[in-house]
mmCIF file of all heavy atoms, coordinates in Angstrom:
data_MODEL
# 
_entry.id   MODEL 
# 
loop_
_atom_site.group_PDB 
_atom_site.id 
_atom_site.type_symbol 
_atom_site.label_atom_id 
_atom_site.label_alt_id 
_atom_site.label_comp_id 
_atom_site.label_asym_id 
_atom_site.label_entity_id 
_atom_site.label_seq_id 
_atom_site.pdbx_PDB_ins_code 
_atom_site.Cartn_x 
_atom_site.Cartn_y 
_atom_site.Cartn_z 
_atom_site.occupancy 
_atom_site.B_iso_or_equiv 
_atom_site.pdbx_formal_charge 
_atom_site.auth_seq_id 
_atom_site.auth_comp_id 
_atom_site.auth_asym_id 
_atom_site.auth_atom_id 
_atom_site.pdbx_PDB_model_num 
ATOM 1   N N   . ALA A 1 1  ? -19.224 3.336   -2.673 1.00 0.00 ? 1  ALA A N   1 
ATOM 2   C CA  . ALA A 1 1  ? -18.570 4.203   -1.677 1.00 0.00 ? 1  ALA A CA  1 
ATOM 3   C C   . ALA A 1 1  ? -17.658 5.226   -2.351 1.00 0.00 ? 1  ALA A C   1 
ATOM 4   O O   . ALA A 1 1  ? -17.504 6.334   -1.837 1.00 0.00 ? 1  ALA A O   1 
ATOM 5   C CB  . ALA A 1 1  ? -17.780 3.344   -0.691 1.00 0.00 ? 1  ALA A CB  1 
ATOM 6   N N   . VAL A 1 2  ? -17.040 4.879   -3.445 1.00 0.00 ? 2  VAL A N   1 
ATOM 7   C CA  . VAL A 1 2  ? -16.109 5.795   -4.090 1.00 0.00 ? 2  VAL A CA  1 
ATOM 8   C C   . VAL A 1 2  ? -16.811 6.988   -4.743 1.00 0.00 ? 2  VAL A C   1 
ATOM 9   O O   . VAL A 1 2  ? -16.169 7.939   -5.165 1.00 0.00 ? 2  VAL A O   1 
ATOM 10  C CB  . VAL A 1 2  ? -15.137 5.115   -5.072 1.00 0.00 ? 2  VAL A CB  1 
ATOM 11  C CG1 . VAL A 1 2  ? -14.277 4.119   -4.426 1.00 0.00 ? 2  VAL A CG1 1 
ATOM 12  C CG2 . VAL A 1 2  ? -15.829 4.537   -6.261 1.00 0.00 ? 2  VAL A CG2 1 
ATOM 13  N N   . LEU A 1 3  ? -18.114 6.932   -4.811 1.00 0.00 ? 3  LEU A N   1 
ATOM 14  C CA  . LEU A 1 3  ? -18.845 8.087   -5.312 1.00 0.00 ? 3  LEU A CA  1 
ATOM 15  C C   . LEU A 1 3  ? -18.744 9.254   -4.285 1.00 0.00 ? 3  LEU A C   1 
ATOM 16  O O   . LEU A 1 3  ? -18.912 10.416  -4.663 1.00 0.00 ? 3  LEU A O   1 
ATOM 17  C CB  . LEU A 1 3  ? -20.328 7.721   -5.534 1.00 0.00 ? 3  LEU A CB  1 
ATOM 18  C CG  . LEU A 1 3  ? -20.547 6.702   -6.652 1.00 0.00 ? 3  LEU A CG  1 
ATOM 19  C CD1 . LEU A 1 3  ? -22.025 6.350   -6.721 1.00 0.00 ? 3  LEU A CD1 1 
ATOM 20  C CD2 . LEU A 1 3  ? -20.057 7.210   -7.995 1.00 0.00 ? 3  LEU A CD2 1 
ATOM 21  N N   . SER A 1 4  ? -18.391 8.886   -3.057 1.00 0.00 ? 4  SER A N   1 
ATOM 22  C CA  . SER A 1 4  ? -18.223 9.913   -2.013 1.00 0.00 ? 4  SER A CA  1 
ATOM 23  C C   . SER A 1 4  ? -16.802 10.549  -2.210 1.00 0.00 ? 4  SER A C   1 
ATOM 24  O O   . SER A 1 4  ? -15.857 9.859   -2.528 1.00 0.00 ? 4  SER A O   1 
ATOM 25  C CB  . SER A 1 4  ? -18.284 9.232   -0.653 1.00 0.00 ? 4  SER A CB  1 
ATOM 26  O OG  . SER A 1 4  ? -17.762 10.082  0.325  1.00 0.00 ? 4  SER A OG  1 
ATOM 27  N N   . PRO A 1 5  ? -16.716 11.853  -2.006 1.00 0.00 ? 5  PRO A N   1 
ATOM 28  C CA  . PRO A 1 5  ? -15.422 12.515  -2.208 1.00 0.00 ? 5  PRO A CA  1 
ATOM 29  C C   . PRO A 1 5  ? -14.395 12.125  -1.158 1.00 0.00 ? 5  PRO A C   1 
ATOM 30  O O   . PRO A 1 5  ? -13.216 12.416  -1.315 1.00 0.00 ? 5  PRO A O   1 
ATOM 31  C CB  . PRO A 1 5  ? -15.768 14.012  -2.114 1.00 0.00 ? 5  PRO A CB  1 
ATOM 32  C CG  . PRO A 1 5  ? -17.065 14.089  -1.408 1.00 0.00 ? 5  PRO A CG  1 
ATOM 33  C CD  . PRO A 1 5  ? -17.785 12.815  -1.688 1.00 0.00 ? 5  PRO A CD  1 
ATOM 34  N N   . VAL A 1 6  ? -14.764 11.453  -0.061 1.00 0.00 ? 6  VAL A N   1 
ATOM 35  C CA  . VAL A 1 6  ? -13.822 11.121  0.983  1.00 0.00 ? 6  VAL A CA  1 
ATOM 36  C C   . VAL A 1 6  ? -13.303 9.678   0.907  1.00 0.00 ? 6  VAL A C   1 
ATOM 37  O O   . VAL A 1 6  ? -12.502 9.275   1.740  1.00 0.00 ? 6  VAL A O   1 
ATOM 38  C CB  . VAL A 1 6  ? -14.427 11.341  2.393  1.00 0.00 ? 6  VAL A CB  1 
ATOM 39  C CG1 . VAL A 1 6  ? -14.713 12.820  2.614  1.00 0.00 ? 6  VAL A CG1 1 
ATOM 40  C CG2 . VAL A 1 6  ? -15.655 10.485  2.590  1.00 0.00 ? 6  VAL A CG2 1 
ATOM 41  N N   . ALA A 1 7  ? -13.744 8.903   -0.088 1.00 0.00 ? 7  ALA A N   1 
ATOM 42  C CA  . ALA A 1 7  ? -13.319 7.518   -0.191 1.00 0.00 ? 7  ALA A CA  1 
ATOM 43  C C   . ALA A 1 7  ? -12.592 7.289   -1.527 1.00 0.00 ? 7  ALA A C   1 
ATOM 44  O O   . ALA A 1 7  ? -13.213 6.992   -2.537 1.00 0.00 ? 7  ALA A O   1 
ATOM 45  C CB  . ALA A 1 7  ? -14.538 6.613   -0.102 1.00 0.00 ? 7  ALA A CB  1 
ATOM 46  N N   . PRO A 1 8  ? -11.263 7.388   -1.539 1.00 0.00 ? 8  PRO A N   1 
ATOM 47  C CA  . PRO A 1 8  ? -10.523 7.249   -2.769 1.00 0.00 ? 8  PRO A CA  1 
ATOM 48  C C   . PRO A 1 8  ? -10.501 5.759   -3.215 1.00 0.00 ? 8  PRO A C   1 
ATOM 49  O O   . PRO A 1 8  ? -10.337 4.830   -2.387 1.00 0.00 ? 8  PRO A O   1 
ATOM 50  C CB  . PRO A 1 8  ? -9.106  7.696   -2.432 1.00 0.00 ? 8  PRO A CB  1 
ATOM 51  C CG  . PRO A 1 8  ? -8.996  7.515   -0.951 1.00 0.00 ? 8  PRO A CG  1 
ATOM 52  C CD  . PRO A 1 8  ? -10.376 7.708   -0.415 1.00 0.00 ? 8  PRO A CD  1 
ATOM 53  N N   . ALA A 1 9  ? -10.656 5.519   -4.507 1.00 0.00 ? 9  ALA A N   1 
ATOM 54  C CA  . ALA A 1 9  ? -10.632 4.161   -5.032 1.00 0.00 ? 9  ALA A CA  1 
ATOM 55  C C   . ALA A 1 9  ? -9.326  3.431   -4.776 1.00 0.00 ? 9  ALA A C   1 
ATOM 56  O O   . ALA A 1 9  ? -9.325  2.234   -4.550 1.00 0.00 ? 9  ALA A O   1 
ATOM 57  C CB  . ALA A 1 9  ? -10.950 4.195   -6.541 1.00 0.00 ? 9  ALA A CB  1 
ATOM 58  N N   . ALA A 1 10 ? -8.232  4.145   -4.760 1.00 0.00 ? 10 ALA A N   1 
ATOM 59  C CA  . ALA A 1 10 ? -6.936  3.527   -4.544 1.00 0.00 ? 10 ALA A CA  1 
ATOM 60  C C   . ALA A 1 10 ? -6.847  2.850   -3.202 1.00 0.00 ? 10 ALA A C   1 
ATOM 61  O O   . ALA A 1 10 ? -6.187  1.793   -3.092 1.00 0.00 ? 10 ALA A O   1 
ATOM 62  C CB  . ALA A 1 10 ? -5.816  4.574   -4.676 1.00 0.00 ? 10 ALA A CB  1 
ATOM 63  N N   . ALA A 1 11 ? -7.485  3.395   -2.193 1.00 0.00 ? 11 ALA A N   1 
ATOM 64  C CA  . ALA A 1 11 ? -7.487  2.747   -0.873 1.00 0.00 ? 11 ALA A CA  1 
ATOM 65  C C   . ALA A 1 11 ? -8.171  1.396   -0.958 1.00 0.00 ? 11 ALA A C   1 
ATOM 66  O O   . ALA A 1 11 ? -7.672  0.425   -0.337 1.00 0.00 ? 11 ALA A O   1 
ATOM 67  C CB  . ALA A 1 11 ? -8.161  3.639   0.133  1.00 0.00 ? 11 ALA A CB  1 
ATOM 68  N N   . PHE A 1 12 ? -9.287  1.294   -1.660 1.00 0.00 ? 12 PHE A N   1 
ATOM 69  C CA  . PHE A 1 12 ? -9.964  0.026   -1.764 1.00 0.00 ? 12 PHE A CA  1 
ATOM 70  C C   . PHE A 1 12 ? -9.136  -0.965  -2.593 1.00 0.00 ? 12 PHE A C   1 
ATOM 71  O O   . PHE A 1 12 ? -9.086  -2.158  -2.277 1.00 0.00 ? 12 PHE A O   1 
ATOM 72  C CB  . PHE A 1 12 ? -11.351 0.186   -2.436 1.00 0.00 ? 12 PHE A CB  1 
ATOM 73  C CG  . PHE A 1 12 ? -12.320 0.837   -1.528 1.00 0.00 ? 12 PHE A CG  1 
ATOM 74  C CD1 . PHE A 1 12 ? -12.942 2.067   -1.913 1.00 0.00 ? 12 PHE A CD1 1 
ATOM 75  C CD2 . PHE A 1 12 ? -12.712 0.281   -0.288 1.00 0.00 ? 12 PHE A CD2 1 
ATOM 76  C CE1 . PHE A 1 12 ? -13.887 2.651   -1.082 1.00 0.00 ? 12 PHE A CE1 1 
ATOM 77  C CE2 . PHE A 1 12 ? -13.617 0.911   0.542  1.00 0.00 ? 12 PHE A CE2 1 
ATOM 78  C CZ  . PHE A 1 12 ? -14.203 2.083   0.144  1.00 0.00 ? 12 PHE A CZ  1 
ATOM 79  N N   . GLU A 1 13 ? -8.495  -0.490  -3.618 1.00 0.00 ? 13 GLU A N   1 
ATOM 80  C CA  . GLU A 1 13 ? -7.672  -1.373  -4.457 1.00 0.00 ? 13 GLU A CA  1 
ATOM 81  C C   . GLU A 1 13 ? -6.554  -1.987  -3.611 1.00 0.00 ? 13 GLU A C   1 
ATOM 82  O O   . GLU A 1 13 ? -6.254  -3.183  -3.726 1.00 0.00 ? 13 GLU A O   1 
ATOM 83  C CB  . GLU A 1 13 ? -7.105  -0.615  -5.630 1.00 0.00 ? 13 GLU A CB  1 
ATOM 84  C CG  . GLU A 1 13 ? -8.147  -0.336  -6.704 1.00 0.00 ? 13 GLU A CG  1 
ATOM 85  C CD  . GLU A 1 13 ? -7.557  0.362   -7.928 1.00 0.00 ? 13 GLU A CD  1 
ATOM 86  O OE1 . GLU A 1 13 ? -6.324  0.410   -8.067 1.00 0.00 ? 13 GLU A OE1 1 
ATOM 87  O OE2 . GLU A 1 13 ? -8.379  0.827   -8.748 1.00 0.00 ? 13 GLU A OE2 1 
ATOM 88  N N   . GLU A 1 14 ? -5.939  -1.177  -2.772 1.00 0.00 ? 14 GLU A N   1 
ATOM 89  C CA  . GLU A 1 14 ? -4.891  -1.713  -1.903 1.00 0.00 ? 14 GLU A CA  1 
ATOM 90  C C   . GLU A 1 14 ? -5.410  -2.752  -0.956 1.00 0.00 ? 14 GLU A C   1 
ATOM 91  O O   . GLU A 1 14 ? -4.762  -3.826  -0.785 1.00 0.00 ? 14 GLU A O   1 
ATOM 92  C CB  . GLU A 1 14 ? -4.269  -0.547  -1.107 1.00 0.00 ? 14 GLU A CB  1 
ATOM 93  C CG  . GLU A 1 14 ? -3.001  -0.903  -0.379 1.00 0.00 ? 14 GLU A CG  1 
ATOM 94  C CD  . GLU A 1 14 ? -2.360  0.306   0.258  1.00 0.00 ? 14 GLU A CD  1 
ATOM 95  O OE1 . GLU A 1 14 ? -2.185  1.323   -0.433 1.00 0.00 ? 14 GLU A OE1 1 
ATOM 96  O OE2 . GLU A 1 14 ? -2.055  0.232   1.463  1.00 0.00 ? 14 GLU A OE2 1 
ATOM 97  N N   . LEU A 1 15 ? -6.547  -2.544  -0.348 1.00 0.00 ? 15 LEU A N   1 
ATOM 98  C CA  . LEU A 1 15 ? -7.152  -3.541  0.528  1.00 0.00 ? 15 LEU A CA  1 
ATOM 99  C C   . LEU A 1 15 ? -7.508  -4.808  -0.238 1.00 0.00 ? 15 LEU A C   1 
ATOM 100 O O   . LEU A 1 15 ? -7.263  -5.926  0.256  1.00 0.00 ? 15 LEU A O   1 
ATOM 101 C CB  . LEU A 1 15 ? -8.430  -2.983  1.169  1.00 0.00 ? 15 LEU A CB  1 
ATOM 102 C CG  . LEU A 1 15 ? -8.260  -1.906  2.237  1.00 0.00 ? 15 LEU A CG  1 
ATOM 103 C CD1 . LEU A 1 15 ? -9.622  -1.340  2.630  1.00 0.00 ? 15 LEU A CD1 1 
ATOM 104 C CD2 . LEU A 1 15 ? -7.568  -2.481  3.434  1.00 0.00 ? 15 LEU A CD2 1 
ATOM 105 N N   . ASN A 1 16 ? -8.034  -4.666  -1.437 1.00 0.00 ? 16 ASN A N   1 
ATOM 106 C CA  . ASN A 1 16 ? -8.403  -5.835  -2.225 1.00 0.00 ? 16 ASN A CA  1 
ATOM 107 C C   . ASN A 1 16 ? -7.180  -6.636  -2.677 1.00 0.00 ? 16 ASN A C   1 
ATOM 108 O O   . ASN A 1 16 ? -7.209  -7.871  -2.740 1.00 0.00 ? 16 ASN A O   1 
ATOM 109 C CB  . ASN A 1 16 ? -9.262  -5.438  -3.405 1.00 0.00 ? 16 ASN A CB  1 
ATOM 110 C CG  . ASN A 1 16 ? -10.621 -4.921  -2.969 1.00 0.00 ? 16 ASN A CG  1 
ATOM 111 O OD1 . ASN A 1 16 ? -11.050 -5.178  -1.872 1.00 0.00 ? 16 ASN A OD1 1 
ATOM 112 N ND2 . ASN A 1 16 ? -11.306 -4.190  -3.833 1.00 0.00 ? 16 ASN A ND2 1 
ATOM 113 N N   . GLU A 1 17 ? -6.105  -5.932  -2.988 1.00 0.00 ? 17 GLU A N   1 
ATOM 114 C CA  . GLU A 1 17 ? -4.856  -6.638  -3.336 1.00 0.00 ? 17 GLU A CA  1 
ATOM 115 C C   . GLU A 1 17 ? -4.297  -7.368  -2.153 1.00 0.00 ? 17 GLU A C   1 
ATOM 116 O O   . GLU A 1 17 ? -3.812  -8.470  -2.245 1.00 0.00 ? 17 GLU A O   1 
ATOM 117 C CB  . GLU A 1 17 ? -3.857  -5.706  -3.966 1.00 0.00 ? 17 GLU A CB  1 
ATOM 118 C CG  . GLU A 1 17 ? -2.706  -6.425  -4.577 1.00 0.00 ? 17 GLU A CG  1 
ATOM 119 C CD  . GLU A 1 17 ? -1.854  -5.631  -5.546 1.00 0.00 ? 17 GLU A CD  1 
ATOM 120 O OE1 . GLU A 1 17 ? -2.031  -4.371  -5.574 1.00 0.00 ? 17 GLU A OE1 1 
ATOM 121 O OE2 . GLU A 1 17 ? -1.089  -6.236  -6.271 1.00 0.00 ? 17 GLU A OE2 1 
ATOM 122 N N   . ASP A 1 18 ? -4.361  -6.744  -0.962 1.00 0.00 ? 18 ASP A N   1 
ATOM 123 C CA  . ASP A 1 18 ? -3.907  -7.432  0.252  1.00 0.00 ? 18 ASP A CA  1 
ATOM 124 C C   . ASP A 1 18 ? -4.745  -8.692  0.502  1.00 0.00 ? 18 ASP A C   1 
ATOM 125 O O   . ASP A 1 18 ? -4.199  -9.740  0.883  1.00 0.00 ? 18 ASP A O   1 
ATOM 126 C CB  . ASP A 1 18 ? -4.029  -6.511  1.452  1.00 0.00 ? 18 ASP A CB  1 
ATOM 127 C CG  . ASP A 1 18 ? -2.965  -5.420  1.473  1.00 0.00 ? 18 ASP A CG  1 
ATOM 128 O OD1 . ASP A 1 18 ? -1.956  -5.519  0.725  1.00 0.00 ? 18 ASP A OD1 1 
ATOM 129 O OD2 . ASP A 1 18 ? -3.142  -4.444  2.242  1.00 0.00 ? 18 ASP A OD2 1 
ATOM 130 N N   . ASP A 1 19 ? -6.046  -8.607  0.316  1.00 0.00 ? 19 ASP A N   1 
ATOM 131 C CA  . ASP A 1 19 ? -6.907  -9.807  0.430  1.00 0.00 ? 19 ASP A CA  1 
ATOM 132 C C   . ASP A 1 19 ? -6.493  -10.868 -0.564 1.00 0.00 ? 19 ASP A C   1 
ATOM 133 O O   . ASP A 1 19 ? -6.469  -12.050 -0.206 1.00 0.00 ? 19 ASP A O   1 
ATOM 134 C CB  . ASP A 1 19 ? -8.373  -9.412  0.244  1.00 0.00 ? 19 ASP A CB  1 
ATOM 135 C CG  . ASP A 1 19 ? -8.956  -8.669  1.402  1.00 0.00 ? 19 ASP A CG  1 
ATOM 136 O OD1 . ASP A 1 19 ? -8.395  -8.656  2.504  1.00 0.00 ? 19 ASP A OD1 1 
ATOM 137 O OD2 . ASP A 1 19 ? -10.067 -8.067  1.221  1.00 0.00 ? 19 ASP A OD2 1 
ATOM 138 N N   . ALA A 1 20 ? -6.238  -10.486 -1.800 1.00 0.00 ? 20 ALA A N   1 
ATOM 139 C CA  . ALA A 1 20 ? -5.834  -11.455 -2.813 1.00 0.00 ? 20 ALA A CA  1 
ATOM 140 C C   . ALA A 1 20 ? -4.527  -12.100 -2.447 1.00 0.00 ? 20 ALA A C   1 
ATOM 141 O O   . ALA A 1 20 ? -4.363  -13.318 -2.585 1.00 0.00 ? 20 ALA A O   1 
ATOM 142 C CB  . ALA A 1 20 ? -5.725  -10.758 -4.173 1.00 0.00 ? 20 ALA A CB  1 
ATOM 143 N N   . ARG A 1 21 ? -3.576  -11.335 -1.920 1.00 0.00 ? 21 ARG A N   1 
ATOM 144 C CA  . ARG A 1 21 ? -2.302  -11.914 -1.472 1.00 0.00 ? 21 ARG A CA  1 
ATOM 145 C C   . ARG A 1 21 ? -2.501  -12.928 -0.317 1.00 0.00 ? 21 ARG A C   1 
ATOM 146 O O   . ARG A 1 21 ? -1.873  -13.999 -0.333 1.00 0.00 ? 21 ARG A O   1 
ATOM 147 C CB  . ARG A 1 21 ? -1.339  -10.809 -0.992 1.00 0.00 ? 21 ARG A CB  1 
ATOM 148 C CG  . ARG A 1 21 ? -0.662  -10.096 -2.058 1.00 0.00 ? 21 ARG A CG  1 
ATOM 149 C CD  . ARG A 1 21 ? 0.463   -9.208  -1.475 1.00 0.00 ? 21 ARG A CD  1 
ATOM 150 N NE  . ARG A 1 21 ? 0.900   -8.283  -2.470 1.00 0.00 ? 21 ARG A NE  1 
ATOM 151 C CZ  . ARG A 1 21 ? 0.577   -6.992  -2.451 1.00 0.00 ? 21 ARG A CZ  1 
ATOM 152 N NH1 . ARG A 1 21 ? -0.116  -6.491  -1.506 1.00 0.00 ? 21 ARG A NH1 1 
ATOM 153 N NH2 . ARG A 1 21 ? 1.029   -6.210  -3.413 1.00 0.00 ? 21 ARG A NH2 1 
ATOM 154 N N   . SER A 1 22 ? -3.372  -12.577 0.589  1.00 0.00 ? 22 SER A N   1 
ATOM 155 C CA  . SER A 1 22 ? -3.664  -13.465 1.709  1.00 0.00 ? 22 SER A CA  1 
ATOM 156 C C   . SER A 1 22 ? -4.244  -14.778 1.228  1.00 0.00 ? 22 SER A C   1 
ATOM 157 O O   . SER A 1 22 ? -3.867  -15.867 1.662  1.00 0.00 ? 22 SER A O   1 
ATOM 158 C CB  . SER A 1 22 ? -4.595  -12.768 2.681  1.00 0.00 ? 22 SER A CB  1 
ATOM 159 O OG  . SER A 1 22 ? -4.926  -13.602 3.754  1.00 0.00 ? 22 SER A OG  1 
ATOM 160 N N   . ARG A 1 23 ? -5.225  -14.728 0.316  1.00 0.00 ? 23 ARG A N   1 
ATOM 161 C CA  . ARG A 1 23 ? -5.803  -15.925 -0.240 1.00 0.00 ? 23 ARG A CA  1 
ATOM 162 C C   . ARG A 1 23 ? -4.767  -16.749 -1.032 1.00 0.00 ? 23 ARG A C   1 
ATOM 163 O O   . ARG A 1 23 ? -4.729  -17.981 -0.928 1.00 0.00 ? 23 ARG A O   1 
ATOM 164 C CB  . ARG A 1 23 ? -7.021  -15.604 -1.119 1.00 0.00 ? 23 ARG A CB  1 
ATOM 165 C CG  . ARG A 1 23 ? -8.294  -15.415 -0.353 1.00 0.00 ? 23 ARG A CG  1 
ATOM 166 C CD  . ARG A 1 23 ? -9.470  -15.272 -1.280 1.00 0.00 ? 23 ARG A CD  1 
ATOM 167 N NE  . ARG A 1 23 ? -9.353  -14.168 -2.239 1.00 0.00 ? 23 ARG A NE  1 
ATOM 168 C CZ  . ARG A 1 23 ? -9.654  -12.899 -1.938 1.00 0.00 ? 23 ARG A CZ  1 
ATOM 169 N NH1 . ARG A 1 23 ? -10.098 -12.560 -0.743 1.00 0.00 ? 23 ARG A NH1 1 
ATOM 170 N NH2 . ARG A 1 23 ? -9.514  -11.980 -2.846 1.00 0.00 ? 23 ARG A NH2 1 
ATOM 171 N N   . ALA A 1 24 ? -3.923  -16.075 -1.782 1.00 0.00 ? 24 ALA A N   1 
ATOM 172 C CA  . ALA A 1 24 ? -2.890  -16.800 -2.512 1.00 0.00 ? 24 ALA A CA  1 
ATOM 173 C C   . ALA A 1 24 ? -1.910  -17.476 -1.604 1.00 0.00 ? 24 ALA A C   1 
ATOM 174 O O   . ALA A 1 24 ? -1.529  -18.642 -1.831 1.00 0.00 ? 24 ALA A O   1 
ATOM 175 C CB  . ALA A 1 24 ? -2.137  -15.825 -3.472 1.00 0.00 ? 24 ALA A CB  1 
ATOM 176 N N   . ARG A 1 25 ? -1.558  -16.853 -0.501 1.00 0.00 ? 25 ARG A N   1 
ATOM 177 C CA  . ARG A 1 25 ? -0.688  -17.497 0.485  1.00 0.00 ? 25 ARG A CA  1 
ATOM 178 C C   . ARG A 1 25 ? -1.345  -18.699 1.124  1.00 0.00 ? 25 ARG A C   1 
ATOM 179 O O   . ARG A 1 25 ? -0.718  -19.744 1.372  1.00 0.00 ? 25 ARG A O   1 
ATOM 180 C CB  . ARG A 1 25 ? -0.223  -16.493 1.566  1.00 0.00 ? 25 ARG A CB  1 
ATOM 181 C CG  . ARG A 1 25 ? 0.841   -15.545 1.063  1.00 0.00 ? 25 ARG A CG  1 
ATOM 182 C CD  . ARG A 1 25 ? 1.446   -14.739 2.182  1.00 0.00 ? 25 ARG A CD  1 
ATOM 183 N NE  . ARG A 1 25 ? 0.491   -13.863 2.863  1.00 0.00 ? 25 ARG A NE  1 
ATOM 184 C CZ  . ARG A 1 25 ? 0.292   -12.573 2.553  1.00 0.00 ? 25 ARG A CZ  1 
ATOM 185 N NH1 . ARG A 1 25 ? 1.007   -12.006 1.633  1.00 0.00 ? 25 ARG A NH1 1 
ATOM 186 N NH2 . ARG A 1 25 ? -0.590  -11.889 3.229  1.00 0.00 ? 25 ARG A NH2 1 
ATOM 187 N N   . ASP A 1 26 ? -2.655  -18.618 1.369  1.00 0.00 ? 26 ASP A N   1 
ATOM 188 C CA  . ASP A 1 26 ? -3.389  -19.762 1.906  1.00 0.00 ? 26 ASP A CA  1 
ATOM 189 C C   . ASP A 1 26 ? -3.338  -20.904 0.854  1.00 0.00 ? 26 ASP A C   1 
ATOM 190 O O   . ASP A 1 26 ? -3.130  -22.059 1.227  1.00 0.00 ? 26 ASP A O   1 
ATOM 191 C CB  . ASP A 1 26 ? -4.862  -19.355 2.196  1.00 0.00 ? 26 ASP A CB  1 
ATOM 192 C CG  . ASP A 1 26 ? -5.693  -20.534 2.654  1.00 0.00 ? 26 ASP A CG  1 
ATOM 193 O OD1 . ASP A 1 26 ? -5.331  -21.173 3.688  1.00 0.00 ? 26 ASP A OD1 1 
ATOM 194 O OD2 . ASP A 1 26 ? -6.680  -20.876 1.975  1.00 0.00 ? 26 ASP A OD2 1 
ATOM 195 N N   . GLY A 1 27 ? -3.560  -20.563 -0.382 1.00 0.00 ? 27 GLY A N   1 
ATOM 196 C CA  . GLY A 1 27 ? -3.488  -21.580 -1.437 1.00 0.00 ? 27 GLY A CA  1 
ATOM 197 C C   . GLY A 1 27 ? -2.126  -22.189 -1.540 1.00 0.00 ? 27 GLY A C   1 
ATOM 198 O O   . GLY A 1 27 ? -1.975  -23.402 -1.834 1.00 0.00 ? 27 GLY A O   1 
# 
């Protein structure tokens, strides 16, 4: 998706870090 000029990689990184935080809190 980041090959597209409208999808910045930083947005995905932020989502993925939020997911990681959520899993860590569950743990």
